[in-house]
Structures are given as C-alpha cells and as structure tokens.
C-alpha cells in the first residue's frame, strides 16, 4: 500500500500540478491512499481531478482511499456532492452549513 500526501493548498492554480503528479499512479497496482490531513484550501477543479483519478483507478481495478481528511476537504466534497464518488463516508449531518467554504 502506498500513500501520497495531497498537501495543504489545492486551489485552482495547483490543479494541473495535481493531475500531473497523480497521472502516473493510475495504473499502480494495489491500494493507494491519498493523505488529505493537510488540506486547508481546495477548489472545485482539484476535486474534479481527484474524482477523475479515483474513477480511473476504479476502472483499472485498483482501490483508492483517503486518509485523515480535514474538515475543509470533507465539507468541500459534501458541498459538491462527491463524497460517494470519492468513497468517503457520508456524514449524518448532511445539512450542516459551511460559512464561506472558499
């Protein structure tokens, strides 16, 4: 099992770099864990890259998991409706509001 740290800033300006960093790992066999413990800022574009990456790995028969997700990461996934696509546990308080998630 391998772990890749996502870092703290996943703003739109980092989305291309994120895609470039993850692309070689699509066909990596076995489970890959993405460490989201430092994510303090995330943009929709980065979330789209992550969804496409998880989907591509799933299509290739490989499992991808997230570890230590920050509240910022989980809130962004929930607000964008991609918790299931990312394989995250859906919180029971899905009506919780977020003040200025950006």
PDB file of N, CA and C in Angstrom:
ATOM      1  N   UNK A   1       0.849  -1.181   0.000  1.00  0.00           N
ATOM      2  CA  UNK A   1       0.000   0.000   0.000  1.00  0.00           C
ATOM      3  C   UNK A   1       0.889   1.236   0.000  1.00  0.00           C
ATOM      4  N   UNK A   2       0.579   2.179  -0.864  1.00  0.00           N
ATOM      5  CA  UNK A   2       1.322   3.429  -0.970  1.00  0.00           C
ATOM      6  C   UNK A   2       0.461   4.577  -0.485  1.00  0.00           C
ATOM      7  N   UNK A   3       1.112   5.606   0.013  1.00  0.00           N
ATOM      8  CA  UNK A   3       0.413   6.807   0.459  1.00  0.00           C
ATOM      9  C   UNK A   3       1.011   8.017  -0.238  1.00  0.00           C
ATOM     10  N   UNK A   4       0.117   8.897  -0.707  1.00  0.00           N
ATOM     11  CA  UNK A   4       0.529  10.136  -1.360  1.00  0.00           C
ATOM     12  C   UNK A   4      -0.101  11.287  -0.592  1.00  0.00           C
ATOM     13  N   UNK A   5       0.716  12.220  -0.138  1.00  0.00           N
ATOM     14  CA  UNK A   5       0.216  13.402   0.562  1.00  0.00           C
ATOM     15  C   UNK A   5      -0.296  14.412  -0.465  1.00  0.00           C
ATOM     16  N   UNK A   6      -1.500  14.921  -0.220  1.00  0.00           N
ATOM     17  CA  UNK A   6      -2.084  15.901  -1.137  1.00  0.00           C
ATOM     18  C   UNK A   6      -1.565  17.308  -0.886  1.00  0.00           C
ATOM     19  N   UNK A   7      -1.065  17.577   0.298  1.00  0.00           N
ATOM     20  CA  UNK A   7      -0.575  18.916   0.626  1.00  0.00           C
ATOM     21  C   UNK A   7      -1.680  19.786   1.187  1.00  0.00           C
ATOM     22  N   UNK A   8      -1.363  21.026   1.441  1.00  0.00           N
ATOM     23  CA  UNK A   8      -2.296  21.923   2.101  1.00  0.00           C
ATOM     24  C   UNK A   8      -3.150  22.762   1.170  1.00  0.00           C
ATOM     25  N   UNK A   9      -2.587  23.159   0.034  1.00  0.00           N
ATOM     26  CA  UNK A   9      -3.287  24.073  -0.866  1.00  0.00           C
ATOM     27  C   UNK A   9      -3.636  23.360  -2.163  1.00  0.00           C
ATOM     28  N   UNK A  10      -4.930  23.117  -2.371  1.00  0.00           N
ATOM     29  CA  UNK A  10      -5.412  22.508  -3.617  1.00  0.00           C
ATOM     30  C   UNK A  10      -6.298  23.508  -4.353  1.00  0.00           C
ATOM     31  N   UNK A  11      -5.806  24.727  -4.454  1.00  0.00           N
ATOM     32  CA  UNK A  11      -6.516  25.764  -5.186  1.00  0.00           C
ATOM     33  C   UNK A  11      -6.478  25.496  -6.677  1.00  0.00           C
ATOM     34  N   UNK A  12      -7.243  26.273  -7.430  1.00  0.00           N
ATOM     35  CA  UNK A  12      -7.343  26.060  -8.879  1.00  0.00           C
ATOM     36  C   UNK A  12      -5.979  26.135  -9.557  1.00  0.00           C
ATOM     37  N   UNK A  13      -5.106  26.987  -9.063  1.00  0.00           N
ATOM     38  CA  UNK A  13      -3.793  27.138  -9.681  1.00  0.00           C
ATOM     39  C   UNK A  13      -2.895  25.920  -9.485  1.00  0.00           C
ATOM     40  N   UNK A  14      -3.267  25.005  -8.616  1.00  0.00           N
ATOM     41  CA  UNK A  14      -2.467  23.794  -8.384  1.00  0.00           C
ATOM     42  C   UNK A  14      -3.065  22.558  -9.063  1.00  0.00           C
ATOM     43  N   UNK A  15      -4.202  22.701  -9.719  1.00  0.00           N
ATOM     44  CA  UNK A  15      -4.911  21.552 -10.286  1.00  0.00           C
ATOM     45  C   UNK A  15      -4.117  20.834 -11.367  1.00  0.00           C
ATOM     46  N   UNK A  16      -3.428  21.564 -12.222  1.00  0.00           N
ATOM     47  CA  UNK A  16      -2.627  20.934 -13.272  1.00  0.00           C
ATOM     48  C   UNK A  16      -1.484  20.144 -12.657  1.00  0.00           C
ATOM     49  N   UNK A  17      -0.831  20.718 -11.665  1.00  0.00           N
ATOM     50  CA  UNK A  17       0.270  20.024 -10.980  1.00  0.00           C
ATOM     51  C   UNK A  17      -0.244  18.774 -10.285  1.00  0.00           C
ATOM     52  N   UNK A  18      -1.431  18.855  -9.673  1.00  0.00           N
ATOM     53  CA  UNK A  18      -2.030  17.698  -9.004  1.00  0.00           C
ATOM     54  C   UNK A  18      -2.288  16.587 -10.019  1.00  0.00           C
ATOM     55  N   UNK A  19      -2.861  16.948 -11.153  1.00  0.00           N
ATOM     56  CA  UNK A  19      -3.130  15.965 -12.209  1.00  0.00           C
ATOM     57  C   UNK A  19      -1.832  15.322 -12.695  1.00  0.00           C
ATOM     58  N   UNK A  20      -0.815  16.127 -12.909  1.00  0.00           N
ATOM     59  CA  UNK A  20       0.483  15.629 -13.372  1.00  0.00           C
ATOM     60  C   UNK A  20       1.109  14.691 -12.343  1.00  0.00           C
ATOM     61  N   UNK A  21       0.950  15.017 -11.082  1.00  0.00           N
ATOM     62  CA  UNK A  21       1.525  14.199 -10.005  1.00  0.00           C
ATOM     63  C   UNK A  21       0.793  12.869  -9.849  1.00  0.00           C
ATOM     64  N   UNK A  22      -0.533  12.882 -10.055  1.00  0.00           N
ATOM     65  CA  UNK A  22      -1.329  11.671  -9.860  1.00  0.00           C
ATOM     66  C   UNK A  22      -1.393  10.759 -11.092  1.00  0.00           C
ATOM     67  N   UNK A  23      -1.269  11.318 -12.273  1.00  0.00           N
ATOM     68  CA  UNK A  23      -1.429  10.548 -13.519  1.00  0.00           C
ATOM     69  C   UNK A  23      -0.590   9.268 -13.571  1.00  0.00           C
ATOM     70  N   UNK A  24       0.680   9.289 -13.179  1.00  0.00           N
ATOM     71  CA  UNK A  24       1.466   8.052 -13.245  1.00  0.00           C
ATOM     72  C   UNK A  24       0.997   6.972 -12.260  1.00  0.00           C
ATOM     73  N   UNK A  25       0.157   7.342 -11.315  1.00  0.00           N
ATOM     74  CA  UNK A  25      -0.297   6.403 -10.293  1.00  0.00           C
ATOM     75  C   UNK A  25      -1.610   5.711 -10.644  1.00  0.00           C
ATOM     76  N   UNK A  26      -2.212   6.079 -11.770  1.00  0.00           N
ATOM     77  CA  UNK A  26      -3.493   5.482 -12.161  1.00  0.00           C
ATOM     78  C   UNK A  26      -3.380   3.968 -12.265  1.00  0.00           C
ATOM     79  N   UNK A  27      -2.309   3.484 -12.843  1.00  0.00           N
ATOM     80  CA  UNK A  27      -2.148   2.045 -13.047  1.00  0.00           C
ATOM     81  C   UNK A  27      -1.320   1.357 -11.975  1.00  0.00           C
ATOM     82  N   UNK A  28      -0.992   2.073 -10.907  1.00  0.00           N
ATOM     83  CA  UNK A  28      -0.227   1.456  -9.815  1.00  0.00           C
ATOM     84  C   UNK A  28      -1.097   0.399  -9.142  1.00  0.00           C
ATOM     85  N   UNK A  29      -0.628  -0.837  -9.093  1.00  0.00           N
ATOM     86  CA  UNK A  29      -1.443  -1.904  -8.505  1.00  0.00           C
ATOM     87  C   UNK A  29      -1.591  -1.755  -6.986  1.00  0.00           C
ATOM     88  N   UNK A  30      -2.616  -2.393  -6.481  1.00  0.00           N
ATOM     89  CA  UNK A  30      -2.863  -2.366  -5.048  1.00  0.00           C
ATOM     90  C   UNK A  30      -3.566  -1.101  -4.610  1.00  0.00           C
ATOM     91  N   UNK A  31      -3.786  -1.008  -3.315  1.00  0.00           N
ATOM     92  CA  UNK A  31      -4.472   0.166  -2.775  1.00  0.00           C
ATOM     93  C   UNK A  31      -3.521   1.348  -2.703  1.00  0.00           C
ATOM     94  N   UNK A  32      -4.038   2.505  -3.063  1.00  0.00           N
ATOM     95  CA  UNK A  32      -3.311   3.757  -2.943  1.00  0.00           C
ATOM     96  C   UNK A  32      -4.102   4.633  -1.987  1.00  0.00           C
ATOM     97  N   UNK A  33      -3.430   5.199  -1.003  1.00  0.00           N
ATOM     98  CA  UNK A  33      -4.082   6.074  -0.043  1.00  0.00           C
ATOM     99  C   UNK A  33      -3.648   7.506  -0.294  1.00  0.00           C
ATOM    100  N   UNK A  34      -4.615   8.398  -0.370  1.00  0.00           N
ATOM    101  CA  UNK A  34      -4.348   9.822  -0.517  1.00  0.00           C
ATOM    102  C   UNK A  34      -4.515  10.471   0.849  1.00  0.00           C
ATOM    103  N   UNK A  35      -3.445  11.036   1.350  1.00  0.00           N
ATOM    104  CA  UNK A  35      -3.434  11.666   2.672  1.00  0.00           C
ATOM    105  C   UNK A  35      -3.917  13.106   2.539  1.00  0.00           C
ATOM    106  N   UNK A  36      -5.107  13.367   3.073  1.00  0.00           N
ATOM    107  CA  UNK A  36      -5.705  14.700   2.992  1.00  0.00           C
ATOM    108  C   UNK A  36      -5.625  15.426   4.331  1.00  0.00           C
ATOM    109  N   UNK A  37      -4.654  15.064   5.154  1.00  0.00           N
ATOM    110  CA  UNK A  37      -4.555  15.620   6.506  1.00  0.00           C
ATOM    111  C   UNK A  37      -4.091  17.066   6.553  1.00  0.00           C
ATOM    112  N   UNK A  38      -3.533  17.576   5.460  1.00  0.00           N
ATOM    113  CA  UNK A  38      -3.037  18.953   5.446  1.00  0.00           C
ATOM    114  C   UNK A  38      -3.908  19.898   4.628  1.00  0.00           C
ATOM    115  N   UNK A  39      -4.936  19.384   3.965  1.00  0.00           N
ATOM    116  CA  UNK A  39      -5.740  20.215   3.059  1.00  0.00           C
ATOM    117  C   UNK A  39      -6.454  21.317   3.847  1.00  0.00           C
ATOM    118  N   UNK A  40      -6.070  22.553   3.561  1.00  0.00           N
ATOM    119  CA  UNK A  40      -6.703  23.698   4.216  1.00  0.00           C
ATOM    120  C   UNK A  40      -7.451  24.562   3.203  1.00  0.00           C
ATOM    121  N   UNK A  41      -7.205  24.312   1.923  1.00  0.00           N
ATOM    122  CA  UNK A  41      -7.877  25.056   0.849  1.00  0.00           C
ATOM    123  C   UNK A  41      -8.037  24.111  -0.330  1.00  0.00           C
ATOM    124  N   UNK A  42      -9.245  24.068  -0.885  1.00  0.00           N
ATOM    125  CA  UNK A  42      -9.477  23.199  -2.035  1.00  0.00           C
ATOM    126  C   UNK A  42     -10.498  23.845  -2.964  1.00  0.00           C
ATOM    127  N   UNK A  43     -10.239  23.774  -4.239  1.00  0.00           N
ATOM    128  CA  UNK A  43     -11.093  24.363  -5.262  1.00  0.00           C
ATOM    129  C   UNK A  43     -11.806  23.238  -6.006  1.00  0.00           C
ATOM    130  N   UNK A  44     -12.907  23.559  -6.627  1.00  0.00           N
ATOM    131  CA  UNK A  44     -13.681  22.579  -7.388  1.00  0.00           C
ATOM    132  C   UNK A  44     -12.820  21.870  -8.432  1.00  0.00           C
ATOM    133  N   UNK A  45     -11.920  22.580  -9.077  1.00  0.00           N
ATOM    134  CA  UNK A  45     -11.081  21.965 -10.109  1.00  0.00           C
ATOM    135  C   UNK A  45     -10.228  20.836  -9.537  1.00  0.00           C
ATOM    136  N   UNK A  46      -9.690  21.030  -8.353  1.00  0.00           N
ATOM    137  CA  UNK A  46      -8.892  19.979  -7.707  1.00  0.00           C
ATOM    138  C   UNK A  46      -9.777  18.794  -7.338  1.00  0.00           C
ATOM    139  N   UNK A  47     -10.982  19.068  -6.899  1.00  0.00           N
ATOM    140  CA  UNK A  47     -11.913  17.990  -6.559  1.00  0.00           C
ATOM    141  C   UNK A  47     -12.268  17.197  -7.819  1.00  0.00           C
ATOM    142  N   UNK A  48     -12.399  17.876  -8.955  1.00  0.00           N
ATOM    143  CA  UNK A  48     -12.673  17.190 -10.217  1.00  0.00           C
ATOM    144  C   UNK A  48     -11.505  16.285 -10.610  1.00  0.00           C
ATOM    145  N   UNK A  49     -10.292  16.766 -10.409  1.00  0.00           N
ATOM    146  CA  UNK A  49      -9.109  15.949 -10.694  1.00  0.00           C
ATOM    147  C   UNK A  49      -9.122  14.703  -9.818  1.00  0.00           C
ATOM    148  N   UNK A  50      -9.425  14.875  -8.537  1.00  0.00           N
ATOM    149  CA  UNK A  50      -9.455  13.732  -7.621  1.00  0.00           C
ATOM    150  C   UNK A  50     -10.548  12.738  -7.996  1.00  0.00           C
ATOM    151  N   UNK A  51     -11.722  13.240  -8.368  1.00  0.00           N
ATOM    152  CA  UNK A  51     -12.820  12.344  -8.782  1.00  0.00           C
ATOM    153  C   UNK A  51     -12.426  11.556 -10.029  1.00  0.00           C
ATOM    154  N   UNK A  52     -11.827  12.223 -11.011  1.00  0.00           N
ATOM    155  CA  UNK A  52     -11.405  11.549 -12.236  1.00  0.00           C
ATOM    156  C   UNK A  52     -10.321  10.512 -11.933  1.00  0.00           C
ATOM    157  N   UNK A  53      -9.414  10.832 -11.032  1.00  0.00           N
ATOM    158  CA  UNK A  53      -8.344   9.916 -10.654  1.00  0.00           C
ATOM    159  C   UNK A  53      -8.907   8.671  -9.970  1.00  0.00           C
ATOM    160  N   UNK A  54      -9.785   8.866  -8.995  1.00  0.00           N
ATOM    161  CA  UNK A  54     -10.393   7.735  -8.288  1.00  0.00           C
ATOM    162  C   UNK A  54     -11.176   6.868  -9.272  1.00  0.00           C
ATOM    163  N   UNK A  55     -11.925   7.502 -10.171  1.00  0.00           N
ATOM    164  CA  UNK A  55     -12.703   6.766 -11.166  1.00  0.00           C
ATOM    165  C   UNK A  55     -11.796   5.960 -12.099  1.00  0.00           C
ATOM    166  N   UNK A  56     -10.729   6.582 -12.591  1.00  0.00           N
ATOM    167  CA  UNK A  56      -9.812   5.895 -13.499  1.00  0.00           C
ATOM    168  C   UNK A  56      -9.156   4.693 -12.816  1.00  0.00           C
ATOM    169  N   UNK A  57      -8.785   4.860 -11.560  1.00  0.00           N
ATOM    170  CA  UNK A  57      -8.190   3.736 -10.820  1.00  0.00           C
ATOM    171  C   UNK A  57      -9.217   2.625 -10.618  1.00  0.00           C
ATOM    172  N   UNK A  58     -10.452   3.013 -10.329  1.00  0.00           N
ATOM    173  CA  UNK A  58     -11.515   2.016 -10.152  1.00  0.00           C
ATOM    174  C   UNK A  58     -11.722   1.236 -11.449  1.00  0.00           C
ATOM    175  N   UNK A  59     -11.750   1.945 -12.575  1.00  0.00           N
ATOM    176  CA  UNK A  59     -11.920   1.300 -13.883  1.00  0.00           C
ATOM    177  C   UNK A  59     -10.764   0.337 -14.173  1.00  0.00           C
ATOM    178  N   UNK A  60      -9.584   0.650 -13.650  1.00  0.00           N
ATOM    179  CA  UNK A  60      -8.409  -0.199 -13.859  1.00  0.00           C
ATOM    180  C   UNK A  60      -8.342  -1.340 -12.835  1.00  0.00           C
ATOM    181  N   UNK A  61      -9.313  -1.371 -11.925  1.00  0.00           N
ATOM    182  CA  UNK A  61      -9.367  -2.439 -10.931  1.00  0.00           C
ATOM    183  C   UNK A  61      -8.536  -2.190  -9.685  1.00  0.00           C
ATOM    184  N   UNK A  62      -8.200  -0.921  -9.439  1.00  0.00           N
ATOM    185  CA  UNK A  62      -7.379  -0.569  -8.274  1.00  0.00           C
ATOM    186  C   UNK A  62      -8.192   0.256  -7.272  1.00  0.00           C
ATOM    187  N   UNK A  63      -7.920   0.042  -6.012  1.00  0.00           N
ATOM    188  CA  UNK A  63      -8.635   0.745  -4.951  1.00  0.00           C
ATOM    189  C   UNK A  63      -7.875   2.001  -4.541  1.00  0.00           C
ATOM    190  N   UNK A  64      -8.644   3.064  -4.278  1.00  0.00           N
ATOM    191  CA  UNK A  64      -8.090   4.324  -3.803  1.00  0.00           C
ATOM    192  C   UNK A  64      -8.858   4.729  -2.552  1.00  0.00           C
ATOM    193  N   UNK A  65      -8.139   5.129  -1.522  1.00  0.00           N
ATOM    194  CA  UNK A  65      -8.767   5.546  -0.270  1.00  0.00           C
ATOM    195  C   UNK A  65      -8.200   6.892   0.154  1.00  0.00           C
ATOM    196  N   UNK A  66      -8.943   7.566   1.010  1.00  0.00           N
ATOM    197  CA  UNK A  66      -8.488   8.832   1.578  1.00  0.00           C
ATOM    198  C   UNK A  66      -8.271   8.635   3.061  1.00  0.00           C
ATOM    199  N   UNK A  67      -7.235   9.285   3.587  1.00  0.00           N
ATOM    200  CA  UNK A  67      -6.896   9.151   4.993  1.00  0.00           C
ATOM    201  C   UNK A  67      -6.813  10.530   5.640  1.00  0.00           C
ATOM    202  N   UNK A  68      -7.271  10.595   6.873  1.00  0.00           N
ATOM    203  CA  UNK A  68      -7.128  11.788   7.710  1.00  0.00           C
ATOM    204  C   UNK A  68      -7.650  13.056   7.036  1.00  0.00           C
ATOM    205  N   UNK A  69      -8.801  12.973   6.413  1.00  0.00           N
ATOM    206  CA  UNK A  69      -9.372  14.126   5.707  1.00  0.00           C
ATOM    207  C   UNK A  69      -9.687  15.253   6.678  1.00  0.00           C
ATOM    208  N   UNK A  70      -9.268  16.452   6.318  1.00  0.00           N
ATOM    209  CA  UNK A  70      -9.591  17.615   7.128  1.00  0.00           C
ATOM    210  C   UNK A  70     -11.068  17.974   6.955  1.00  0.00           C
ATOM    211  N   UNK A  71     -11.572  18.778   7.865  1.00  0.00           N
ATOM    212  CA  UNK A  71     -12.958  19.245   7.761  1.00  0.00           C
ATOM    213  C   UNK A  71     -13.148  20.029   6.462  1.00  0.00           C
ATOM    214  N   UNK A  72     -12.147  20.780   6.063  1.00  0.00           N
ATOM    215  CA  UNK A  72     -12.213  21.544   4.811  1.00  0.00           C
ATOM    216  C   UNK A  72     -12.412  20.610   3.625  1.00  0.00           C
ATOM    217  N   UNK A  73     -11.646  19.532   3.585  1.00  0.00           N
ATOM    218  CA  UNK A  73     -11.746  18.573   2.486  1.00  0.00           C
ATOM    219  C   UNK A  73     -13.119  17.905   2.488  1.00  0.00           C
ATOM    220  N   UNK A  74     -13.551  17.432   3.647  1.00  0.00           N
ATOM    221  CA  UNK A  74     -14.847  16.751   3.749  1.00  0.00           C
ATOM    222  C   UNK A  74     -16.008  17.691   3.409  1.00  0.00           C
ATOM    223  N   UNK A  75     -15.945  18.930   3.891  1.00  0.00           N
ATOM    224  CA  UNK A  75     -17.008  19.890   3.594  1.00  0.00           C
ATOM    225  C   UNK A  75     -17.085  20.180   2.096  1.00  0.00           C
ATOM    226  N   UNK A  76     -15.937  20.339   1.455  1.00  0.00           N
ATOM    227  CA  UNK A  76     -15.919  20.601   0.010  1.00  0.00           C
ATOM    228  C   UNK A  76     -16.520  19.416  -0.750  1.00  0.00           C
ATOM    229  N   UNK A  77     -16.136  18.205  -0.364  1.00  0.00           N
ATOM    230  CA  UNK A  77     -16.678  17.013  -1.030  1.00  0.00           C
ATOM    231  C   UNK A  77     -18.185  16.928  -0.833  1.00  0.00           C
ATOM    232  N   UNK A  78     -18.640  17.234   0.371  1.00  0.00           N
ATOM    233  CA  UNK A  78     -20.077  17.184   0.667  1.00  0.00           C
ATOM    234  C   UNK A  78     -20.826  18.250  -0.115  1.00  0.00           C
ATOM    235  N   UNK A  79     -20.315  19.474  -0.120  1.00  0.00           N
ATOM    236  CA  UNK A  79     -20.983  20.572  -0.821  1.00  0.00           C
ATOM    237  C   UNK A  79     -21.057  20.324  -2.329  1.00  0.00           C
ATOM    238  N   UNK A  80     -20.038  19.665  -2.871  1.00  0.00           N
ATOM    239  CA  UNK A  80     -20.015  19.377  -4.303  1.00  0.00           C
ATOM    240  C   UNK A  80     -20.722  18.076  -4.650  1.00  0.00           C
ATOM    241  N   UNK A  81     -21.139  17.337  -3.633  1.00  0.00           N
ATOM    242  CA  UNK A  81     -21.882  16.094  -3.863  1.00  0.00           C
ATOM    243  C   UNK A  81     -21.020  14.956  -4.379  1.00  0.00           C
ATOM    244  N   UNK A  82     -19.745  14.924  -3.979  1.00  0.00           N
ATOM    245  CA  UNK A  82     -18.852  13.889  -4.496  1.00  0.00           C
ATOM    246  C   UNK A  82     -18.323  12.946  -3.412  1.00  0.00           C
ATOM    247  N   UNK A  83     -18.943  12.936  -2.254  1.00  0.00           N
ATOM    248  CA  UNK A  83     -18.460  12.046  -1.194  1.00  0.00           C
ATOM    249  C   UNK A  83     -18.514  10.588  -1.650  1.00  0.00           C
ATOM    250  N   UNK A  84     -19.585  10.196  -2.300  1.00  0.00           N
ATOM    251  CA  UNK A  84     -19.715   8.815  -2.767  1.00  0.00           C
ATOM    252  C   UNK A  84     -18.706   8.522  -3.878  1.00  0.00           C
ATOM    253  N   UNK A  85     -18.529   9.446  -4.802  1.00  0.00           N
ATOM    254  CA  UNK A  85     -17.577   9.247  -5.899  1.00  0.00           C
ATOM    255  C   UNK A  85     -16.151   9.077  -5.383  1.00  0.00           C
ATOM    256  N   UNK A  86     -15.843   9.733  -4.265  1.00  0.00           N
ATOM    257  CA  UNK A  86     -14.514   9.629  -3.683  1.00  0.00           C
ATOM    258  C   UNK A  86     -14.396   8.476  -2.691  1.00  0.00           C
ATOM    259  N   UNK A  87     -15.523   7.851  -2.392  1.00  0.00           N
ATOM    260  CA  UNK A  87     -15.501   6.746  -1.439  1.00  0.00           C
ATOM    261  C   UNK A  87     -15.392   7.190   0.001  1.00  0.00           C
ATOM    262  N   UNK A  88     -15.834   8.410   0.284  1.00  0.00           N
ATOM    263  CA  UNK A  88     -15.791   8.937   1.651  1.00  0.00           C
ATOM    264  C   UNK A  88     -17.068   8.567   2.385  1.00  0.00           C
ATOM    265  N   UNK A  89     -16.952   8.390   3.677  1.00  0.00           N
ATOM    266  CA  UNK A  89     -18.140   8.161   4.496  1.00  0.00           C
ATOM    267  C   UNK A  89     -18.974   9.428   4.500  1.00  0.00           C
ATOM    268  N   UNK A  90     -20.254   9.292   4.206  1.00  0.00           N
ATOM    269  CA  UNK A  90     -21.148  10.444   4.219  1.00  0.00           C
ATOM    270  C   UNK A  90     -21.529  10.750   5.660  1.00  0.00           C
ATOM    271  N   UNK A  91     -21.370  12.004   6.087  1.00  0.00           N
ATOM    272  CA  UNK A  91     -21.754  12.362   7.455  1.00  0.00           C
ATOM    273  C   UNK A  91     -23.269  12.341   7.603  1.00  0.00           C
ATOM    274  N   UNK A  92     -23.712  12.083   8.809  1.00  0.00           N
ATOM    275  CA  UNK A  92     -25.147  12.059   9.067  1.00  0.00           C
ATOM    276  C   UNK A  92     -25.738  13.454   9.095  1.00  0.00           C
ATOM    277  N   UNK A  93     -24.899  14.459   9.304  1.00  0.00           N
ATOM    278  CA  UNK A  93     -25.389  15.841   9.368  1.00  0.00           C
ATOM    279  C   UNK A  93     -25.190  16.533   8.019  1.00  0.00           C
ATOM    280  N   UNK A  94     -25.728  15.914   6.961  1.00  0.00           N
ATOM    281  CA  UNK A  94     -25.501  16.433   5.617  1.00  0.00           C
ATOM    282  C   UNK A  94     -26.179  17.771   5.348  1.00  0.00           C
ATOM    283  N   UNK A  95     -26.885  18.304   6.310  1.00  0.00           N
ATOM    284  CA  UNK A  95     -27.484  19.623   6.147  1.00  0.00           C
ATOM    285  C   UNK A  95     -26.652  20.697   6.833  1.00  0.00           C
ATOM    286  N   UNK A  96     -25.531  20.314   7.413  1.00  0.00           N
ATOM    287  CA  UNK A  96     -24.646  21.256   8.094  1.00  0.00           C
ATOM    288  C   UNK A  96     -24.215  22.336   7.103  1.00  0.00           C
ATOM    289  N   UNK A  97     -24.285  23.557   7.508  1.00  0.00           N
ATOM    290  CA  UNK A  97     -23.879  24.633   6.603  1.00  0.00           C
ATOM    291  C   UNK A  97     -22.422  25.001   6.859  1.00  0.00           C
ATOM    292  N   UNK A  98     -21.808  25.535   5.844  1.00  0.00           N
ATOM    293  CA  UNK A  98     -20.422  25.962   5.939  1.00  0.00           C
ATOM    294  C   UNK A  98     -20.380  27.455   5.655  1.00  0.00           C
ATOM    295  N   UNK A  99     -19.737  28.182   6.532  1.00  0.00           N
ATOM    296  CA  UNK A  99     -19.610  29.612   6.309  1.00  0.00           C
ATOM    297  C   UNK A  99     -18.380  29.856   5.457  1.00  0.00           C
ATOM    298  N   UNK A 100     -18.568  30.433   4.289  1.00  0.00           N
ATOM    299  CA  UNK A 100     -17.501  30.763   3.364  1.00  0.00           C
ATOM    300  C   UNK A 100     -16.501  29.618   3.183  1.00  0.00           C
ATOM    301  N   UNK A 101     -16.891  28.542   2.470  1.00  0.00           N
ATOM    302  CA  UNK A 101     -16.010  27.406   2.287  1.00  0.00           C
ATOM    303  C   UNK A 101     -14.783  27.698   1.438  1.00  0.00           C
ATOM    304  N   UNK A 102     -14.769  28.835   0.765  1.00  0.00           N
ATOM    305  CA  UNK A 102     -13.606  29.179  -0.050  1.00  0.00           C
ATOM    306  C   UNK A 102     -12.541  29.680   0.859  1.00  0.00           C
TER     307      UNK A 102
END
